[in-house]
Amino acid sequence: MPKYYLSQCSVCGMIWDPDPPEDLKSVYTENYFLSHKPKVGYANYFEGMKVSKKTFYERIKRINKKVGDKTRMLDIGTAFGDSLLEARKLGWKNLNGVEVSDYAVRESRKRGLDVKSGTLESANYPSNYFDAVTLQDVIEHVKDPKVEVKEIYRVLKPGGIVFIVAPDAGNILRKLLGSHWYHYQPGEHLMYFSRKTLAKVLRDANFKKVKMGMTYHIMSLESILTRLKYYIPWFFEFLLKLVRNNFLGKLSFRVYADEMEGWGQK
C-alpha cells in the first residue's frame, strides 16, 4: 500500500490530507456502497441499513429535544436517506437531503425523498430556512469544512440546531493504533478533527452553545467483526463465517469507539 501523507497545523492540531481527490463524485460510485475492501466504503450498505436506522432513530430523538419546531430538516451526505426516514417517523414534516453520489441520490429518490445531487453550496437553499441540519460521518469527507459550516449557519433559522458526527482524531485509540487507526482512509477522509478543532470550526462560524462529546453507533455483530477484520483478517474472517446468515450475526450493540458528536445553535 502506498504511503499516506497528512499535514497537521502546529497551532490548533488540525490534521488533513494535502492531496485530496480532484473529483469526489468518482469516489462515491455504486462500488463504494458494495465494497469488499476492509477500509473502503461499505461491505453492503443495503444490509447495514437494517441496523443503522436504529442509530439514526435515537439521534433524531435527541435532536427533537433541542428544537422547538420540527418543520424543516436537512441531512447533508444523505446516502440512501435512512436518517430522513427516521426523522419522518419522529414528526418532521419537510425533509431535504444533499448527496454528492449520483448513485445514492437515485436510491434515496426511489424511497420518495427530496434529495439534491451535489454539495450544500450548489444546492443553494434560502437563508434562515431549516430548523435542523445534520452531517453524520460526512464532514471528514469535505474539502473545505469551514466553508461548509458557514453555509450551514446561513441556511439555519435563528435558534436552529446543527448536529455533526465524525471520527475523533483526539481519541486514545488513534494514539494507540498510530498508522493502523481504522479511520485513516486515503481518498475518502480528507479532514481529521478532534473535539477541540471541530468546536473551533463551529465557533468560528458564529455557532453558540457548542458542545462536544462521545457518540455511539448501533452495529450488528457481523458489522463489528467486518470492521475488526482490518486488523487480523484471518481470525475475524473465521468468526464471520460462524455468525453470517444466522441470528448471531444480526445481534446488535451500542458501540462507543472513536467517534464524537458536535452540537451548535444559531
Protein backbone atom coordinates (compact mmCIF):
# COMPACT_ATOMS: atom_id res chain seq x y z
CA MET A 1 0.00 0.00 0.00
CA PRO A 2 1.43 3.45 -0.90
CA LYS A 3 2.37 5.78 1.93
CA TYR A 4 -0.35 8.12 3.16
CA TYR A 5 0.98 11.58 3.97
CA LEU A 6 -1.01 14.01 6.10
CA SER A 7 -0.48 17.61 7.22
CA GLN A 8 -1.02 18.99 10.71
CA CYS A 9 -1.35 22.54 11.97
CA SER A 10 1.28 23.29 14.61
CA VAL A 11 -1.08 25.75 16.33
CA CYS A 12 -4.53 24.10 16.51
CA GLY A 13 -3.60 20.47 15.76
CA MET A 14 -5.95 20.07 12.78
CA ILE A 15 -4.97 17.15 10.50
CA TRP A 16 -5.81 16.97 6.80
CA ASP A 17 -4.96 15.30 3.50
CA PRO A 18 -2.91 17.82 1.45
CA ASP A 19 -3.60 15.95 -1.79
CA PRO A 20 -7.36 15.22 -1.93
CA PRO A 21 -9.06 13.68 -5.00
CA GLU A 22 -9.93 16.17 -7.72
CA ASP A 23 -13.32 14.59 -8.44
CA LEU A 24 -15.17 13.44 -5.32
CA LYS A 25 -18.04 12.02 -7.38
CA SER A 26 -15.67 9.43 -8.79
CA VAL A 27 -15.07 8.12 -5.25
CA TYR A 28 -18.72 7.54 -4.31
CA THR A 29 -19.92 5.22 -7.04
CA GLU A 30 -22.05 2.10 -6.61
CA ASN A 31 -18.88 0.16 -5.72
CA TYR A 32 -18.38 2.40 -2.68
CA PHE A 33 -21.65 1.13 -1.19
CA LEU A 34 -20.98 -2.50 -2.10
CA SER A 35 -17.27 -2.88 -1.39
CA HIS A 36 -15.34 -5.97 -0.34
CA LYS A 37 -12.29 -3.97 0.72
CA PRO A 38 -11.90 -3.65 4.52
CA LYS A 39 -11.44 0.15 4.63
CA VAL A 40 -13.26 1.34 1.51
CA GLY A 41 -16.89 2.37 1.76
CA TYR A 42 -19.35 -0.26 2.94
CA ALA A 43 -19.30 -4.05 2.60
CA ASN A 44 -23.04 -3.97 1.86
CA TYR A 45 -24.87 -0.74 2.57
CA PHE A 46 -28.28 -2.30 1.93
CA GLU A 47 -27.67 -4.96 4.58
CA GLY A 48 -26.29 -2.42 7.03
CA MET A 49 -29.39 -0.24 6.71
CA LYS A 50 -31.38 -2.77 8.74
CA VAL A 51 -29.36 -1.88 11.84
CA SER A 52 -28.08 1.64 11.10
CA LYS A 53 -31.61 3.03 11.10
CA LYS A 54 -31.71 2.34 14.85
CA THR A 55 -28.76 4.71 15.33
CA PHE A 56 -30.48 7.43 13.31
CA TYR A 57 -33.75 6.97 15.21
CA GLU A 58 -32.03 7.53 18.56
CA ARG A 59 -30.10 10.55 17.26
CA ILE A 60 -33.24 12.20 15.87
CA LYS A 61 -34.98 11.68 19.21
CA ARG A 62 -32.16 13.64 20.88
CA ILE A 63 -32.33 16.37 18.23
CA ASN A 64 -36.07 16.67 18.84
CA LYS A 65 -35.38 17.57 22.47
CA LYS A 66 -33.29 20.55 21.37
CA VAL A 67 -35.52 22.10 18.68
CA GLY A 68 -38.79 23.91 19.11
CA ASP A 69 -40.09 23.48 15.57
CA LYS A 70 -39.91 20.18 13.67
CA THR A 71 -40.78 21.61 10.26
CA ARG A 72 -37.68 21.52 8.05
CA MET A 73 -34.66 19.23 8.38
CA LEU A 74 -31.65 18.99 6.06
CA ASP A 75 -29.36 15.96 6.03
CA ILE A 76 -26.01 16.51 4.29
CA GLY A 77 -24.45 13.36 2.88
CA THR A 78 -27.82 11.65 2.82
CA ALA A 79 -26.65 8.35 1.28
CA PHE A 80 -29.86 6.31 0.84
CA GLY A 81 -31.91 8.51 3.18
CA ASP A 82 -32.20 6.36 6.30
CA SER A 83 -31.80 9.28 8.70
CA LEU A 84 -34.50 11.30 6.95
CA LEU A 85 -36.91 8.37 7.01
CA GLU A 86 -36.39 8.00 10.76
CA ALA A 87 -36.97 11.76 11.14
CA ARG A 88 -40.28 11.37 9.34
CA LYS A 89 -41.34 8.72 11.87
CA LEU A 90 -40.47 11.17 14.65
CA GLY A 91 -42.64 14.03 13.40
CA TRP A 92 -40.56 16.05 10.92
CA LYS A 93 -42.71 17.42 8.12
CA ASN A 94 -40.38 18.67 5.36
CA LEU A 95 -37.27 16.58 4.76
CA ASN A 96 -34.43 17.56 2.47
CA GLY A 97 -31.13 15.93 1.59
CA VAL A 98 -27.92 16.73 -0.27
CA GLU A 99 -25.67 13.97 -1.60
CA VAL A 100 -22.58 14.02 -3.83
CA SER A 101 -23.04 10.41 -5.02
CA ASP A 102 -25.31 10.17 -8.06
CA TYR A 103 -25.92 6.51 -7.27
CA ALA A 104 -27.03 7.27 -3.70
CA VAL A 105 -29.25 10.12 -4.92
CA ARG A 106 -31.09 7.71 -7.22
CA GLU A 107 -31.54 5.19 -4.40
CA SER A 108 -32.85 7.82 -1.95
CA ARG A 109 -35.28 9.22 -4.52
CA LYS A 110 -36.68 5.72 -5.06
CA ARG A 111 -37.73 5.96 -1.41
CA GLY A 112 -39.67 9.15 -2.06
CA LEU A 113 -37.16 11.60 -0.59
CA ASP A 114 -36.32 15.10 -1.79
CA VAL A 115 -32.55 14.82 -2.27
CA LYS A 116 -30.43 17.18 -4.37
CA SER A 117 -27.36 15.95 -6.21
CA GLY A 118 -24.17 17.87 -5.41
CA THR A 119 -22.91 19.86 -2.43
CA LEU A 120 -24.63 22.10 0.09
CA GLU A 121 -23.23 25.15 -1.71
CA SER A 122 -24.56 24.04 -5.12
CA ALA A 123 -27.98 23.25 -3.60
CA ASN A 124 -28.45 26.99 -2.97
CA TYR A 125 -31.10 26.77 -0.23
CA PRO A 126 -32.66 30.00 1.10
CA SER A 127 -31.21 31.68 4.16
CA ASN A 128 -32.87 31.10 7.57
CA TYR A 129 -34.72 28.08 6.22
CA PHE A 130 -34.03 24.91 8.25
CA ASP A 131 -34.77 24.05 11.87
CA ALA A 132 -32.03 21.39 11.98
CA VAL A 133 -29.10 20.35 9.80
CA THR A 134 -27.29 17.03 10.25
CA LEU A 135 -23.90 15.78 8.99
CA GLN A 136 -23.35 12.21 10.12
CA ASP A 137 -19.98 10.73 9.16
CA VAL A 138 -19.73 13.36 6.43
CA ILE A 139 -17.65 16.39 7.45
CA GLU A 140 -14.42 14.36 7.31
CA HIS A 141 -15.13 13.86 3.57
CA VAL A 142 -15.44 17.60 2.87
CA LYS A 143 -12.55 19.51 1.26
CA ASP A 144 -13.28 22.83 2.99
CA PRO A 145 -15.26 22.30 6.21
CA LYS A 146 -15.06 25.98 7.18
CA VAL A 147 -17.00 26.95 4.05
CA GLU A 148 -19.44 24.08 4.67
CA VAL A 149 -20.16 25.07 8.27
CA LYS A 150 -20.61 28.75 7.36
CA GLU A 151 -23.12 27.71 4.72
CA ILE A 152 -24.95 25.60 7.30
CA TYR A 153 -25.12 28.64 9.55
CA ARG A 154 -26.63 30.66 6.69
CA VAL A 155 -29.40 28.16 5.87
CA LEU A 156 -30.38 27.54 9.51
CA LYS A 157 -33.13 29.56 11.12
CA PRO A 158 -32.21 31.58 14.21
CA GLY A 159 -32.28 29.07 17.05
CA GLY A 160 -31.73 26.19 14.61
CA ILE A 161 -29.51 23.23 15.52
CA VAL A 162 -26.55 21.64 13.72
CA PHE A 163 -25.63 18.07 14.64
CA ILE A 164 -22.32 16.55 13.47
CA VAL A 165 -20.83 13.08 13.87
CA ALA A 166 -17.19 12.41 12.89
CA PRO A 167 -14.19 10.27 13.81
CA ASP A 168 -12.34 11.72 16.79
CA ALA A 169 -8.66 12.15 15.94
CA GLY A 170 -8.03 13.13 19.56
CA ASN A 171 -9.30 9.76 20.79
CA ILE A 172 -6.94 7.46 22.66
CA LEU A 173 -7.47 4.71 20.05
CA ARG A 174 -5.87 6.82 17.33
CA LYS A 175 -2.85 7.39 19.52
CA LEU A 176 -2.56 3.72 20.44
CA LEU A 177 -3.06 2.38 16.91
CA GLY A 178 -0.98 5.01 15.13
CA SER A 179 -0.94 4.50 11.37
CA HIS A 180 -3.24 1.47 11.79
CA TRP A 181 -6.16 3.58 13.02
CA TYR A 182 -9.27 2.43 11.14
CA HIS A 183 -10.39 5.94 10.17
CA TYR A 184 -7.23 6.76 8.22
CA GLN A 185 -8.87 6.27 4.83
CA PRO A 186 -6.96 7.73 1.87
CA GLY A 187 -9.11 9.34 -0.79
CA GLU A 188 -12.20 9.33 1.44
CA HIS A 189 -11.36 11.04 4.72
CA LEU A 190 -9.85 14.40 3.89
CA MET A 191 -10.03 16.05 7.33
CA TYR A 192 -9.31 14.60 10.77
CA PHE A 193 -10.96 16.53 13.60
CA SER A 194 -10.51 16.37 17.33
CA ARG A 195 -13.19 17.72 19.65
CA LYS A 196 -11.12 20.88 20.00
CA THR A 197 -10.75 21.52 16.26
CA LEU A 198 -14.37 20.70 15.41
CA ALA A 199 -15.59 23.00 18.17
CA LYS A 200 -13.35 25.76 16.79
CA VAL A 201 -14.82 25.40 13.29
CA LEU A 202 -18.32 25.73 14.75
CA ARG A 203 -17.45 28.74 16.91
CA ASP A 204 -15.61 30.45 14.05
CA ALA A 205 -18.86 30.22 12.05
CA ASN A 206 -20.65 32.02 14.93
CA PHE A 207 -22.46 29.00 16.38
CA LYS A 208 -23.37 29.26 20.05
CA LYS A 209 -23.93 26.59 22.72
CA VAL A 210 -21.25 24.43 21.09
CA LYS A 211 -20.97 21.06 22.82
CA MET A 212 -18.80 18.05 22.03
CA GLY A 213 -18.93 14.51 23.33
CA MET A 214 -18.56 10.80 22.63
CA THR A 215 -21.12 9.12 20.44
CA TYR A 216 -22.10 5.59 19.54
CA HIS A 217 -23.30 3.56 16.60
CA ILE A 218 -25.71 0.66 16.91
CA MET A 219 -23.95 -2.11 14.99
CA SER A 220 -24.68 -5.75 14.26
CA LEU A 221 -22.17 -8.34 15.37
CA GLU A 222 -21.46 -9.05 11.71
CA SER A 223 -20.67 -5.35 11.09
CA ILE A 224 -18.39 -5.22 14.13
CA LEU A 225 -16.44 -8.28 13.00
CA THR A 226 -16.23 -6.93 9.46
CA ARG A 227 -14.55 -3.79 10.78
CA LEU A 228 -12.22 -5.73 13.07
CA LYS A 229 -11.18 -7.89 10.11
CA TYR A 230 -8.98 -4.98 9.05
CA TYR A 231 -6.67 -5.70 12.00
CA ILE A 232 -6.49 -9.52 11.99
CA PRO A 233 -8.05 -10.71 8.71
CA TRP A 234 -7.80 -14.49 9.15
CA PHE A 235 -9.13 -14.54 12.71
CA PHE A 236 -12.13 -12.25 12.24
CA GLU A 237 -12.99 -13.82 8.87
CA PHE A 238 -13.20 -17.14 10.73
CA LEU A 239 -15.59 -15.60 13.29
CA LEU A 240 -17.60 -14.00 10.49
CA LYS A 241 -18.20 -17.39 8.91
CA LEU A 242 -19.67 -18.58 12.21
CA VAL A 243 -22.19 -15.74 12.52
CA ARG A 244 -23.01 -14.92 8.90
CA ASN A 245 -26.56 -15.70 7.78
CA ASN A 246 -27.81 -16.63 11.25
CA PHE A 247 -29.28 -14.87 14.26
CA LEU A 248 -25.89 -14.30 15.90
CA GLY A 249 -24.70 -12.00 13.12
CA LYS A 250 -27.85 -9.92 13.46
CA LEU A 251 -27.45 -9.25 17.18
CA SER A 252 -26.91 -5.51 17.66
CA PHE A 253 -24.98 -3.49 20.22
CA ARG A 254 -24.21 0.12 21.08
CA VAL A 255 -20.58 0.64 20.13
CA TYR A 256 -18.66 3.53 21.68
CA ALA A 257 -15.32 3.51 19.91
CA ASP A 258 -13.50 6.51 18.45
CA GLU A 259 -16.21 8.83 17.16
CA MET A 260 -17.59 12.08 18.52
CA GLU A 261 -20.66 14.25 18.11
CA GLY A 262 -20.83 18.02 17.99
CA TRP A 263 -23.77 20.37 18.54
CA GLY A 264 -24.21 24.05 17.80
CA GLN A 265 -27.05 26.56 17.72
CA LYS A 266 -27.55 29.59 15.52
